[in-house]
């Protein structure tokens, strides 16, 4: 917690032309933004889910397989549902409080 996940996603969305306020969807689970071309970008926060049934209930497939960008905070909680072509970004805090980013 507090490593900068939302800040990282916000920076990417702003670079893609999102004009809406970008916040973590901690309670809503998903926020939708529009890029400069009007295409949707989905931002998930799965921190509060209790089980995968909650993810099935809101129709995750419609988002994950829509062809639109999906940014996911706490993806390890839904690991088995993620598409094969995901790009994993891990942010950690270094000894001097700097943020270290690894991409897999």
Protein backbone atom coordinates (compact mmCIF):
# COMPACT_ATOMS: atom_id res chain seq x y z
CA UNK A 1 0.00 0.00 0.00
CA UNK A 2 1.09 3.54 -0.64
CA UNK A 3 3.78 2.77 -3.20
CA UNK A 4 2.24 4.93 -5.93
CA UNK A 5 -0.02 2.62 -7.95
CA UNK A 6 -2.72 5.22 -8.51
CA UNK A 7 -0.17 7.98 -9.15
CA UNK A 8 1.49 5.80 -11.81
CA UNK A 9 -1.86 5.03 -13.48
CA UNK A 10 -2.84 8.70 -13.29
CA UNK A 11 0.36 9.75 -15.09
CA UNK A 12 -0.23 7.23 -17.89
CA UNK A 13 -3.87 8.25 -18.28
CA UNK A 14 -2.96 11.94 -18.43
CA UNK A 15 -0.35 11.15 -21.10
CA UNK A 16 -3.13 9.40 -23.06
CA UNK A 17 -5.29 12.53 -22.89
CA UNK A 18 -7.68 11.67 -20.07
CA UNK A 19 -9.30 14.88 -18.80
CA UNK A 20 -11.44 13.40 -16.00
CA UNK A 21 -10.26 13.28 -12.41
CA UNK A 22 -8.31 10.06 -11.96
CA UNK A 23 -8.75 8.42 -8.57
CA UNK A 24 -8.43 4.94 -7.18
CA UNK A 25 -11.71 3.01 -7.52
CA UNK A 26 -11.25 1.47 -4.06
CA UNK A 27 -14.97 1.31 -3.31
CA UNK A 28 -16.41 1.34 -6.84
CA UNK A 29 -13.98 -1.43 -7.99
CA UNK A 30 -13.78 0.10 -11.49
CA UNK A 31 -13.58 3.64 -12.87
CA UNK A 32 -13.94 4.43 -16.55
CA UNK A 33 -12.09 7.28 -18.21
CA UNK A 34 -11.94 8.39 -21.86
CA UNK A 35 -8.68 8.98 -23.69
CA UNK A 36 -8.19 11.85 -26.15
CA UNK A 37 -9.88 9.77 -28.88
CA UNK A 38 -12.89 9.00 -26.70
CA UNK A 39 -11.93 5.37 -26.18
CA UNK A 40 -12.54 3.95 -22.70
CA UNK A 41 -9.76 3.17 -20.26
CA UNK A 42 -10.72 1.01 -17.28
CA UNK A 43 -9.09 1.37 -13.87
CA UNK A 44 -9.66 -1.39 -11.31
CA UNK A 45 -8.83 -1.71 -7.64
CA UNK A 46 -9.42 -5.22 -6.35
CA UNK A 47 -8.10 -4.60 -2.84
CA UNK A 48 -11.54 -4.93 -1.22
CA UNK A 49 -12.85 -7.99 -3.06
CA UNK A 50 -13.48 -10.94 -0.81
CA UNK A 51 -13.73 -13.68 -3.44
CA UNK A 52 -13.72 -14.20 -7.19
CA UNK A 53 -17.52 -14.46 -7.30
CA UNK A 54 -17.64 -10.67 -6.85
CA UNK A 55 -15.49 -10.27 -9.96
CA UNK A 56 -17.63 -12.72 -11.94
CA UNK A 57 -20.77 -10.83 -10.85
CA UNK A 58 -19.72 -7.51 -12.34
CA UNK A 59 -18.75 -9.10 -15.65
CA UNK A 60 -14.98 -8.77 -15.69
CA UNK A 61 -14.80 -10.38 -19.16
CA UNK A 62 -16.57 -7.40 -20.70
CA UNK A 63 -13.73 -5.20 -19.50
CA UNK A 64 -10.66 -7.46 -19.74
CA UNK A 65 -11.49 -8.67 -23.26
CA UNK A 66 -12.88 -5.40 -24.64
CA UNK A 67 -9.67 -4.46 -26.43
CA UNK A 68 -9.44 -1.34 -24.25
CA UNK A 69 -6.71 -0.56 -21.74
CA UNK A 70 -7.30 -1.95 -18.26
CA UNK A 71 -5.16 -0.84 -15.34
CA UNK A 72 -5.47 -3.09 -12.30
CA UNK A 73 -4.42 -2.37 -8.74
CA UNK A 74 -4.01 -5.53 -6.64
CA UNK A 75 -4.04 -7.90 -9.67
CA UNK A 76 -2.71 -10.79 -7.59
CA UNK A 77 -6.20 -11.13 -6.12
CA UNK A 78 -7.62 -11.99 -9.57
CA UNK A 79 -4.51 -13.59 -11.09
CA UNK A 80 -6.38 -16.62 -12.47
CA UNK A 81 -8.78 -14.36 -14.42
CA UNK A 82 -6.20 -12.19 -16.16
CA UNK A 83 -5.66 -12.55 -19.92
CA UNK A 84 -2.42 -14.16 -21.07
CA UNK A 85 -1.12 -10.96 -22.68
CA UNK A 86 -1.00 -8.78 -19.55
CA UNK A 87 1.93 -6.52 -18.82
CA UNK A 88 2.83 -6.67 -15.15
CA UNK A 89 4.27 -3.59 -13.49
CA UNK A 90 5.58 -3.91 -9.96
CA UNK A 91 6.32 -0.82 -7.88
CA UNK A 92 8.39 -1.16 -4.73
CA UNK A 93 9.87 1.37 -2.32
CA UNK A 94 13.65 1.42 -2.09
CA UNK A 95 15.87 2.15 0.91
CA UNK A 96 15.73 5.91 0.31
CA UNK A 97 11.97 5.97 -0.30
CA UNK A 98 12.53 6.03 -4.07
CA UNK A 99 10.07 4.09 -6.24
CA UNK A 100 11.49 1.14 -8.15
CA UNK A 101 9.50 -0.06 -11.15
CA UNK A 102 9.90 -3.43 -12.82
CA UNK A 103 7.99 -4.51 -15.92
CA UNK A 104 7.36 -8.14 -16.85
